[in-house]
């Protein structure tokens, strides 16, 4: 199950980004997962809790955004979303195409974090950011 090593890598990258943003706590990490990335989203979700345990991301939520495969057809000169990954044909004209434009992604899209900010009275307050 390579999803565990992927989860550890995502945790490391998210923790570094959160530190740079001055986060006190990471609430959620949004990750785009392409249909051709080879990642089983259910397994990645399961591994998230293991990978975040005893880290600054413990208790954070993993929000996965599944990216379908989008191909470009040189005949139609259009991009189109494939119905599945078994048949790489233009959705408009039906001609074979292998020009994949989207669907291979595996990347952190955003973080939902809490930071300490000073209110008008000089005390600390909490704010959410999505860098």
Protein backbone atom coordinates (compact mmCIF):
# COMPACT_ATOMS: atom_id res chain seq x y z
CA UNK A 1 0.00 0.00 0.00
CA UNK A 2 1.92 3.04 -1.26
CA UNK A 3 -0.80 5.38 -0.01
CA UNK A 4 0.80 5.39 3.44
CA UNK A 5 4.07 6.79 2.08
CA UNK A 6 2.05 9.30 0.03
CA UNK A 7 0.16 10.33 3.17
CA UNK A 8 3.45 10.85 5.03
CA UNK A 9 4.76 13.01 2.16
CA UNK A 10 1.57 15.08 2.12
CA UNK A 11 1.77 15.58 5.89
CA UNK A 12 5.38 16.73 5.62
CA UNK A 13 4.60 19.19 2.81
CA UNK A 14 1.48 20.52 4.55
CA UNK A 15 3.33 20.95 7.85
CA UNK A 16 6.08 22.96 6.13
CA UNK A 17 3.51 25.18 4.36
CA UNK A 18 1.59 25.68 7.61
CA UNK A 19 4.76 26.70 9.44
CA UNK A 20 5.61 29.22 6.70
CA UNK A 21 2.07 30.64 7.00
CA UNK A 22 2.38 31.01 10.77
CA UNK A 23 -0.34 28.46 11.50
CA UNK A 24 -1.08 27.43 15.03
CA UNK A 25 -3.24 24.56 13.85
CA UNK A 26 -4.11 22.88 10.56
CA UNK A 27 -7.84 22.25 10.31
CA UNK A 28 -7.95 20.67 6.85
CA UNK A 29 -5.77 19.83 3.87
CA UNK A 30 -7.37 19.82 0.42
CA UNK A 31 -5.65 17.50 -2.07
CA UNK A 32 -6.43 17.10 -5.77
CA UNK A 33 -6.19 13.45 -6.85
CA UNK A 34 -6.28 12.70 -10.57
CA UNK A 35 -8.02 9.59 -11.87
CA UNK A 36 -4.70 8.49 -13.45
CA UNK A 37 -2.56 9.20 -10.37
CA UNK A 38 -2.67 5.59 -9.25
CA UNK A 39 -3.84 6.59 -5.78
CA UNK A 40 -6.71 4.75 -4.12
CA UNK A 41 -8.60 7.58 -2.41
CA UNK A 42 -10.17 5.30 0.20
CA UNK A 43 -6.77 3.96 1.20
CA UNK A 44 -5.29 7.47 1.32
CA UNK A 45 -8.10 8.64 3.59
CA UNK A 46 -7.51 5.64 5.86
CA UNK A 47 -3.75 6.33 5.97
CA UNK A 48 -4.21 10.03 6.78
CA UNK A 49 -5.02 9.39 10.43
CA UNK A 50 -1.98 7.14 10.79
CA UNK A 51 0.36 9.62 9.08
CA UNK A 52 -0.86 12.63 11.07
CA UNK A 53 -0.72 10.95 14.48
CA UNK A 54 1.65 12.74 16.85
CA UNK A 55 2.34 15.50 14.30
CA UNK A 56 1.26 19.11 14.05
CA UNK A 57 -1.52 17.91 11.72
CA UNK A 58 -3.05 15.47 14.22
CA UNK A 59 -6.82 15.81 14.12
CA UNK A 60 -6.83 17.57 10.75
CA UNK A 61 -9.26 16.66 8.00
CA UNK A 62 -8.21 15.39 4.57
CA UNK A 63 -10.47 16.74 1.83
CA UNK A 64 -9.95 14.95 -1.47
CA UNK A 65 -10.99 16.50 -4.77
CA UNK A 66 -11.10 13.87 -7.49
CA UNK A 67 -9.94 15.17 -10.88
CA UNK A 68 -11.35 13.29 -13.88
CA UNK A 69 -9.28 12.66 -17.00
CA UNK A 70 -9.46 15.49 -19.53
CA UNK A 71 -8.00 14.91 -22.99
CA UNK A 72 -7.34 17.16 -25.96
CA UNK A 73 -8.48 16.11 -29.43
CA UNK A 74 -6.33 17.48 -32.25
CA UNK A 75 -9.14 16.81 -34.74
CA UNK A 76 -11.84 18.71 -32.83
CA UNK A 77 -9.35 21.07 -31.21
CA UNK A 78 -11.30 20.74 -27.98
CA UNK A 79 -10.72 19.40 -24.51
CA UNK A 80 -13.16 16.88 -23.13
CA UNK A 81 -13.67 14.85 -19.98
CA UNK A 82 -13.48 11.08 -20.39
CA UNK A 83 -16.33 9.00 -19.02
CA UNK A 84 -13.79 6.44 -17.78
CA UNK A 85 -10.12 5.58 -17.98
CA UNK A 86 -10.54 2.45 -20.09
CA UNK A 87 -11.05 4.14 -23.46
CA UNK A 88 -9.10 7.20 -24.54
CA UNK A 89 -11.36 8.60 -27.22
CA UNK A 90 -12.49 12.15 -27.80
CA UNK A 91 -15.86 12.66 -26.09
CA UNK A 92 -17.00 14.86 -29.00
CA UNK A 93 -15.97 12.96 -32.15
CA UNK A 94 -14.93 9.53 -30.82
CA UNK A 95 -11.43 9.54 -32.33
CA UNK A 96 -8.59 8.04 -30.28
CA UNK A 97 -6.45 10.53 -28.39
CA UNK A 98 -3.72 10.19 -25.81
CA UNK A 99 -3.15 13.89 -25.15
CA UNK A 100 -3.99 13.98 -21.44
CA UNK A 101 -4.43 17.53 -20.13
CA UNK A 102 -5.67 16.75 -16.59
CA UNK A 103 -6.08 13.68 -14.45
CA UNK A 104 -2.54 12.82 -13.33
CA UNK A 105 -2.46 15.30 -10.44
CA UNK A 106 -1.61 14.55 -6.86
CA UNK A 107 -1.08 17.89 -5.16
CA UNK A 108 -2.03 19.94 -2.16
CA UNK A 109 -4.53 22.52 -3.35
CA UNK A 110 -5.02 24.44 -0.10
CA UNK A 111 -4.77 24.38 3.68
CA UNK A 112 -7.36 25.52 6.16
CA UNK A 113 -5.43 26.83 9.12
CA UNK A 114 -5.89 28.72 12.36
CA UNK A 115 -3.50 31.50 13.22
CA UNK A 116 -3.21 33.77 16.23
CA UNK A 117 -4.15 37.34 15.43
CA UNK A 118 -4.40 40.24 17.81
CA UNK A 119 -7.83 41.78 18.27
CA UNK A 120 -8.39 45.48 18.95
CA UNK A 121 -8.14 44.91 22.71
CA UNK A 122 -4.64 43.46 22.34
CA UNK A 123 -5.66 39.87 23.04
CA UNK A 124 -5.29 36.86 20.79
CA UNK A 125 -8.09 35.76 18.53
CA UNK A 126 -8.41 32.94 16.03
CA UNK A 127 -8.72 33.32 12.27
CA UNK A 128 -8.93 30.85 9.42
CA UNK A 129 -6.89 31.16 6.24
CA UNK A 130 -6.67 29.17 3.05
CA UNK A 131 -3.27 29.89 1.47
